[in-house]
Amino acid sequence: MAPRSESNVLELNLATNGHIPTKTLRITTRKTCGEGSKTGDRFQMRIHKRLIDLYGPSEVVKQSTSISTEPGAEVEVTIADA
């Protein structure tokens, strides 16, 4: 989530959990095929996740979840009846 949405949640005095450990995917490949040069490339992709538990009236929770996100960001909302 965007930092501004996390600050909006904090302004509403709702409880939040922090970060989930960053998952790093790594790939090491050879630059050339066959028995040529022994050079290689290393690539990595980092996946950042956040878990935010909102405890409060349903109106406040709906207001805080109606945010716009950046392209490529996935947001999953689960509402559990207490």
C-alpha atoms as a PDB file:
ATOM      1  CA  MET A   1       0.000   0.000   0.000  1.00  0.00           C
ATOM      2  CA  ALA A   2       1.054   3.547  -0.515  1.00  0.00           C
ATOM      3  CA  PRO A   3       2.575   5.370   2.476  1.00  0.00           C
ATOM      4  CA  ARG A   4      -0.230   7.934   2.397  1.00  0.00           C
ATOM      5  CA  SER A   5      -2.859   5.228   2.879  1.00  0.00           C
ATOM      6  CA  GLU A   6      -0.997   3.890   5.912  1.00  0.00           C
ATOM      7  CA  SER A   7      -0.943   7.394   7.384  1.00  0.00           C
ATOM      8  CA  ASN A   8      -4.693   7.713   6.694  1.00  0.00           C
ATOM      9  CA  VAL A   9      -5.259   4.526   8.691  1.00  0.00           C
ATOM     10  CA  LEU A  10      -3.177   5.882  11.562  1.00  0.00           C
ATOM     11  CA  GLU A  11      -5.141   9.157  11.542  1.00  0.00           C
ATOM     12  CA  LEU A  12      -8.372   7.191  12.037  1.00  0.00           C
ATOM     13  CA  ASN A  13      -6.900   5.515  15.182  1.00  0.00           C
ATOM     14  CA  LEU A  14      -7.214   1.991  13.763  1.00  0.00           C
ATOM     15  CA  ALA A  15      -4.927  -0.892  14.739  1.00  0.00           C
ATOM     16  CA  THR A  16      -2.367  -1.993  12.146  1.00  0.00           C
ATOM     17  CA  ASN A  17       0.131  -4.810  11.867  1.00  0.00           C
ATOM     18  CA  GLY A  18       3.481  -4.135  10.284  1.00  0.00           C
ATOM     19  CA  HIS A  19       5.494  -5.486   7.435  1.00  0.00           C
ATOM     20  CA  ILE A  20       5.721  -9.070   6.247  1.00  0.00           C
ATOM     21  CA  PRO A  21       9.317 -10.151   5.466  1.00  0.00           C
ATOM     22  CA  THR A  22      10.435  -9.233   1.944  1.00  0.00           C
ATOM     23  CA  LYS A  23      10.652 -12.217  -0.395  1.00  0.00           C
ATOM     24  CA  THR A  24      13.669 -12.048  -2.722  1.00  0.00           C
ATOM     25  CA  LEU A  25      13.730 -14.190  -5.862  1.00  0.00           C
ATOM     26  CA  ARG A  26      17.201 -14.609  -7.414  1.00  0.00           C
ATOM     27  CA  ILE A  27      18.286 -16.008 -10.785  1.00  0.00           C
ATOM     28  CA  THR A  28      21.908 -16.458 -11.911  1.00  0.00           C
ATOM     29  CA  THR A  29      22.417 -17.105 -15.636  1.00  0.00           C
ATOM     30  CA  ARG A  30      25.309 -17.466 -18.068  1.00  0.00           C
ATOM     31  CA  LYS A  31      25.697 -14.582 -20.533  1.00  0.00           C
ATOM     32  CA  THR A  32      26.824 -16.827 -23.364  1.00  0.00           C
ATOM     33  CA  CYS A  33      25.792 -20.260 -24.501  1.00  0.00           C
ATOM     34  CA  GLY A  34      28.129 -23.227 -24.892  1.00  0.00           C
ATOM     35  CA  GLU A  35      31.689 -23.243 -23.561  1.00  0.00           C
ATOM     36  CA  GLY A  36      32.499 -19.624 -24.388  1.00  0.00           C
ATOM     37  CA  SER A  37      33.019 -16.942 -21.793  1.00  0.00           C
ATOM     38  CA  LYS A  38      32.441 -17.908 -18.173  1.00  0.00           C
ATOM     39  CA  THR A  39      30.662 -14.644 -17.328  1.00  0.00           C
ATOM     40  CA  GLY A  40      27.197 -14.495 -15.854  1.00  0.00           C
ATOM     41  CA  ASP A  41      24.394 -12.167 -14.907  1.00  0.00           C
ATOM     42  CA  ARG A  42      22.485 -11.990 -11.644  1.00  0.00           C
ATOM     43  CA  PHE A  43      18.888 -10.813 -11.464  1.00  0.00           C
ATOM     44  CA  GLN A  44      16.626 -10.417  -8.477  1.00  0.00           C
ATOM     45  CA  MET A  45      13.029  -9.436  -7.819  1.00  0.00           C
ATOM     46  CA  ARG A  46      11.840  -8.274  -4.411  1.00  0.00           C
ATOM     47  CA  ILE A  47       8.240  -8.786  -3.322  1.00  0.00           C
ATOM     48  CA  HIS A  48       7.034  -6.453  -0.564  1.00  0.00           C
ATOM     49  CA  LYS A  49       3.824  -7.223   1.321  1.00  0.00           C
ATOM     50  CA  ARG A  50       1.959  -5.383   4.051  1.00  0.00           C
ATOM     51  CA  LEU A  51      -0.702  -6.700   6.383  1.00  0.00           C
ATOM     52  CA  ILE A  52      -3.081  -4.183   7.887  1.00  0.00           C
ATOM     53  CA  ASP A  53      -5.807  -5.331  10.272  1.00  0.00           C
ATOM     54  CA  LEU A  54      -8.507  -2.727  10.726  1.00  0.00           C
ATOM     55  CA  TYR A  55     -10.659  -2.865  13.835  1.00  0.00           C
ATOM     56  CA  GLY A  56     -13.408  -0.300  13.943  1.00  0.00           C
ATOM     57  CA  PRO A  57     -16.879   0.617  12.733  1.00  0.00           C
ATOM     58  CA  SER A  58     -17.728  -0.662   9.255  1.00  0.00           C
ATOM     59  CA  GLU A  59     -18.170   2.891   7.900  1.00  0.00           C
ATOM     60  CA  VAL A  60     -14.614   3.814   8.883  1.00  0.00           C
ATOM     61  CA  VAL A  61     -13.192   0.584   7.448  1.00  0.00           C
ATOM     62  CA  LYS A  62     -15.012   1.114   4.132  1.00  0.00           C
ATOM     63  CA  GLN A  63     -13.738   4.693   3.986  1.00  0.00           C
ATOM     64  CA  SER A  64     -10.124   3.626   4.563  1.00  0.00           C
ATOM     65  CA  THR A  65     -10.261   0.813   1.973  1.00  0.00           C
ATOM     66  CA  SER A  66     -11.555   3.053  -0.828  1.00  0.00           C
ATOM     67  CA  ILE A  67      -8.081   4.186  -1.887  1.00  0.00           C
ATOM     68  CA  SER A  68      -6.415   4.393  -5.273  1.00  0.00           C
ATOM     69  CA  THR A  69      -3.315   2.245  -5.790  1.00  0.00           C
ATOM     70  CA  GLU A  70      -0.412   2.377  -8.193  1.00  0.00           C
ATOM     71  CA  PRO A  71      -0.504   0.224 -11.340  1.00  0.00           C
ATOM     72  CA  GLY A  72       0.865  -3.233 -10.583  1.00  0.00           C
ATOM     73  CA  ALA A  73      -0.104  -3.139  -6.911  1.00  0.00           C
ATOM     74  CA  GLU A  74      -2.539  -5.787  -5.738  1.00  0.00           C
ATOM     75  CA  VAL A  75      -4.897  -5.143  -2.833  1.00  0.00           C
ATOM     76  CA  GLU A  76      -6.934  -7.868  -1.160  1.00  0.00           C
ATOM     77  CA  VAL A  77      -9.679  -6.911   1.279  1.00  0.00           C
ATOM     78  CA  THR A  78     -11.319  -9.466   3.569  1.00  0.00           C
ATOM     79  CA  ILE A  79     -14.122  -8.458   5.910  1.00  0.00           C
ATOM     80  CA  ALA A  80     -14.750 -10.878   8.774  1.00  0.00           C
ATOM     81  CA  ASP A  81     -17.845 -10.702  10.940  1.00  0.00           C
ATOM     82  CA  ALA A  82     -16.850 -10.536  14.590  1.00  0.00           C
END
